[in-house]
Amino acid sequence: MEHERGDRKYDRNSVRPSSRRSHERQQDIPSGIIIKKEPLSLERTKWDSGNEAQEYERKSDKKKAAKEKEKPNFALSGKLAEETNTFRGVVIRYSEPPEARIPKKRWRFYVFKDNENMPTLYMHRQSAYLIGRDRKVCDLAVDHPSCSKQHAALQYRLVPYEKADGRRARAVRPYIIDLGSSNETFVNNKPIEPQRYVELREKDVLKFGFSSREYVLLHDESKDDILDDDYQEDRVFLNQI
């Protein structure tokens, strides 16, 4: 049957190919199954709005930003940088300088407390010794409550010097550095400036905080009359490297 609408004629029995295929697919679906028709997505409606180029640029920018966020960051964070200078879970307040060396001389501390001779401490087996109350990290423990957990450090350094004939040479020499302690470090009963290396010489006497213990620095070639000689008081201050 044909119907007239305006200048065109339509056959009621005629169906467009696309409609026919849709009708055939619906006949193939078993009975009892319901097909849910979902509305067009928001993104699809955007694409259909006619601003395809603009939406494509926005989507590309979002993808680039997401990729940049996902890039791995191998730089050290503040926390990780802090952990690189830790020992047994404790942050070490001191780092050895590039010129650190293990000495050839067998340096040692002769320890005295109230004129009583304490056990000798051998201080030549490594390039630096951390001194303080924290026994977890310190090489030389000083248990007096006036001493800081990380009070000072004994450091052996390879430094240049001038010989008697004017020639230049280098030698490994001992230095002490106060690590900003609360009650200072003393060399021959004089407080030293914190965070600066102080060159030590044979027969120097060190004290830490208000502790009564005295540490006399000697080596294996030192004379036995150490208590009869006057202690040297002139010190050489060097900036920390």
Foldseek 3Di string as FASTA:
>chain_A
DWDDDPPDIDDPPDDDPVVVVVVVVVVPDDPPDDDDDDDDDPVVVVCVPPPVVVVVVVVVVVVVVVVVVPDDDPDDDPVNVQVVQDAPRHRDLDDADPQFDQAPFFKKWFKDFPNRTDDIGTDRPGFKFFEFCQPRPGRHHDPDPQTHRGFKMKGWGWDWDADPVGDIDTHTFIWMATQPIPQAKDKQNHGDDHQWTKTDDAQIWIDGGPGRMIIGMHTPPDDPPSVVDDDDDDIDIGHDD
